Amino acid sequence: MNNFKKLEEEELRGSPLPPRVARDVNQNLGVLRFISNIIELYMPKVAELFVSLSGGNMNSEGTPPNLDADENGYIVKKHPEPPLD
């Protein structure tokens, strides 16, 4: 039997990871989850900050005030309402 067949059989038997490797992988995944949660939490606020620093403003949905979403969710320009006489 060649070496690749032996390697395949060992992989199929599922040799467990050493405890230290498993712990290190779990710690690294925990750090990555934490960083991604921080980015997900604060990225919209950073975008709003840059828009406001550049002189613009955004509504609560995160789109500029002259834009709106249609029934399909696409961003479209709002039509100004005609003045009331």
C-alpha atoms as a PDB file:
ATOM      1  CA  MET A   1       0.000   0.000   0.000  1.00  0.00           C
ATOM      2  CA  ASN A   2       1.409   3.401  -0.917  1.00  0.00           C
ATOM      3  CA  ASN A   3       1.863   6.314   1.460  1.00  0.00           C
ATOM      4  CA  PHE A   4      -1.095   8.278   0.125  1.00  0.00           C
ATOM      5  CA  LYS A   5      -3.474   5.393   0.834  1.00  0.00           C
ATOM      6  CA  LYS A   6      -2.108   5.150   4.379  1.00  0.00           C
ATOM      7  CA  LEU A   7      -2.544   8.897   4.834  1.00  0.00           C
ATOM      8  CA  GLU A   8      -6.112   8.695   3.534  1.00  0.00           C
ATOM      9  CA  GLU A   9      -6.948   5.882   5.949  1.00  0.00           C
ATOM     10  CA  GLU A  10      -5.499   7.836   8.869  1.00  0.00           C
ATOM     11  CA  GLU A  11      -7.554  10.900   7.930  1.00  0.00           C
ATOM     12  CA  LEU A  12     -10.700   8.811   7.614  1.00  0.00           C
ATOM     13  CA  ARG A  13     -10.125   7.315  11.057  1.00  0.00           C
ATOM     14  CA  GLY A  14     -10.242  10.865  12.355  1.00  0.00           C
ATOM     15  CA  SER A  15      -7.172  11.288  14.460  1.00  0.00           C
ATOM     16  CA  PRO A  16      -8.143  13.914  17.058  1.00  0.00           C
ATOM     17  CA  LEU A  17      -6.323  17.199  17.331  1.00  0.00           C
ATOM     18  CA  PRO A  18      -3.954  17.625  20.242  1.00  0.00           C
ATOM     19  CA  PRO A  19      -5.675  19.594  23.046  1.00  0.00           C
ATOM     20  CA  ARG A  20      -3.263  22.515  22.737  1.00  0.00           C
ATOM     21  CA  VAL A  21      -3.971  22.920  19.005  1.00  0.00           C
ATOM     22  CA  ALA A  22      -7.734  22.754  19.546  1.00  0.00           C
ATOM     23  CA  ARG A  23      -7.508  25.342  22.352  1.00  0.00           C
ATOM     24  CA  ASP A  24      -5.380  27.695  20.232  1.00  0.00           C
ATOM     25  CA  VAL A  25      -7.758  27.428  17.279  1.00  0.00           C
ATOM     26  CA  ASN A  26     -10.763  28.149  19.513  1.00  0.00           C
ATOM     27  CA  GLN A  27      -9.000  31.171  21.024  1.00  0.00           C
ATOM     28  CA  ASN A  28      -8.156  32.536  17.585  1.00  0.00           C
ATOM     29  CA  LEU A  29     -11.741  32.066  16.429  1.00  0.00           C
ATOM     30  CA  GLY A  30     -12.973  33.849  19.547  1.00  0.00           C
ATOM     31  CA  VAL A  31     -10.728  36.824  18.826  1.00  0.00           C
ATOM     32  CA  LEU A  32     -11.924  36.957  15.220  1.00  0.00           C
ATOM     33  CA  ARG A  33     -15.575  36.789  16.348  1.00  0.00           C
ATOM     34  CA  PHE A  34     -14.964  39.649  18.775  1.00  0.00           C
ATOM     35  CA  ILE A  35     -13.301  41.812  16.117  1.00  0.00           C
ATOM     36  CA  SER A  36     -16.068  41.113  13.598  1.00  0.00           C
ATOM     37  CA  ASN A  37     -18.727  42.018  16.189  1.00  0.00           C
ATOM     38  CA  ILE A  38     -16.970  45.318  16.895  1.00  0.00           C
ATOM     39  CA  ILE A  39     -16.746  46.095  13.173  1.00  0.00           C
ATOM     40  CA  GLU A  40     -20.405  45.185  12.647  1.00  0.00           C
ATOM     41  CA  LEU A  41     -21.446  47.382  15.556  1.00  0.00           C
ATOM     42  CA  TYR A  42     -19.427  50.499  14.778  1.00  0.00           C
ATOM     43  CA  MET A  43     -19.018  50.551  10.966  1.00  0.00           C
ATOM     44  CA  PRO A  44     -22.404  52.224  10.287  1.00  0.00           C
ATOM     45  CA  LYS A  45     -21.594  54.916  12.836  1.00  0.00           C
ATOM     46  CA  VAL A  46     -18.199  55.546  11.228  1.00  0.00           C
ATOM     47  CA  ALA A  47     -19.911  55.961   7.837  1.00  0.00           C
ATOM     48  CA  GLU A  48     -22.375  58.433   9.353  1.00  0.00           C
ATOM     49  CA  LEU A  49     -19.474  60.310  10.955  1.00  0.00           C
ATOM     50  CA  PHE A  50     -17.684  60.708   7.621  1.00  0.00           C
ATOM     51  CA  VAL A  51     -20.893  61.838   5.912  1.00  0.00           C
ATOM     52  CA  SER A  52     -21.580  64.413   8.614  1.00  0.00           C
ATOM     53  CA  LEU A  53     -17.960  65.622   8.594  1.00  0.00           C
ATOM     54  CA  SER A  54     -18.198  66.138   4.838  1.00  0.00           C
ATOM     55  CA  GLY A  55     -21.262  68.348   5.313  1.00  0.00           C
ATOM     56  CA  GLY A  56     -24.015  65.844   4.485  1.00  0.00           C
ATOM     57  CA  ASN A  57     -26.696  64.274   6.585  1.00  0.00           C
ATOM     58  CA  MET A  58     -28.444  60.894   6.630  1.00  0.00           C
ATOM     59  CA  ASN A  59     -31.883  59.780   7.757  1.00  0.00           C
ATOM     60  CA  SER A  60     -32.495  56.957  10.228  1.00  0.00           C
ATOM     61  CA  GLU A  61     -32.453  54.286   7.492  1.00  0.00           C
ATOM     62  CA  GLY A  62     -28.962  55.307   6.417  1.00  0.00           C
ATOM     63  CA  THR A  63     -29.878  56.837   3.070  1.00  0.00           C
ATOM     64  CA  PRO A  64     -29.475  60.506   2.182  1.00  0.00           C
ATOM     65  CA  PRO A  65     -32.669  62.521   2.724  1.00  0.00           C
ATOM     66  CA  ASN A  66     -33.340  63.048  -1.010  1.00  0.00           C
ATOM     67  CA  LEU A  67     -33.373  59.277  -1.675  1.00  0.00           C
ATOM     68  CA  ASP A  68     -35.850  56.578  -0.763  1.00  0.00           C
ATOM     69  CA  ALA A  69     -36.356  52.849  -1.345  1.00  0.00           C
ATOM     70  CA  ASP A  70     -39.007  51.606  -3.749  1.00  0.00           C
ATOM     71  CA  GLU A  71     -41.195  48.508  -3.241  1.00  0.00           C
ATOM     72  CA  ASN A  72     -38.353  46.258  -4.474  1.00  0.00           C
ATOM     73  CA  GLY A  73     -35.815  47.765  -2.093  1.00  0.00           C
ATOM     74  CA  TYR A  74     -33.918  49.715  -4.750  1.00  0.00           C
ATOM     75  CA  ILE A  75     -32.710  53.208  -3.885  1.00  0.00           C
ATOM     76  CA  VAL A  76     -34.543  55.836  -5.933  1.00  0.00           C
ATOM     77  CA  LYS A  77     -34.595  59.631  -5.919  1.00  0.00           C
ATOM     78  CA  LYS A  78     -37.585  61.159  -4.127  1.00  0.00           C
ATOM     79  CA  HIS A  79     -39.835  63.322  -6.215  1.00  0.00           C
ATOM     80  CA  PRO A  80     -40.424  66.675  -4.587  1.00  0.00           C
ATOM     81  CA  GLU A  81     -44.050  67.243  -3.729  1.00  0.00           C
ATOM     82  CA  PRO A  82     -45.662  70.114  -5.557  1.00  0.00           C
ATOM     83  CA  PRO A  83     -46.237  73.205  -3.437  1.00  0.00           C
ATOM     84  CA  LEU A  84     -49.693  73.589  -1.946  1.00  0.00           C
ATOM     85  CA  ASP A  85     -51.538  76.691  -3.111  1.00  0.00           C
END
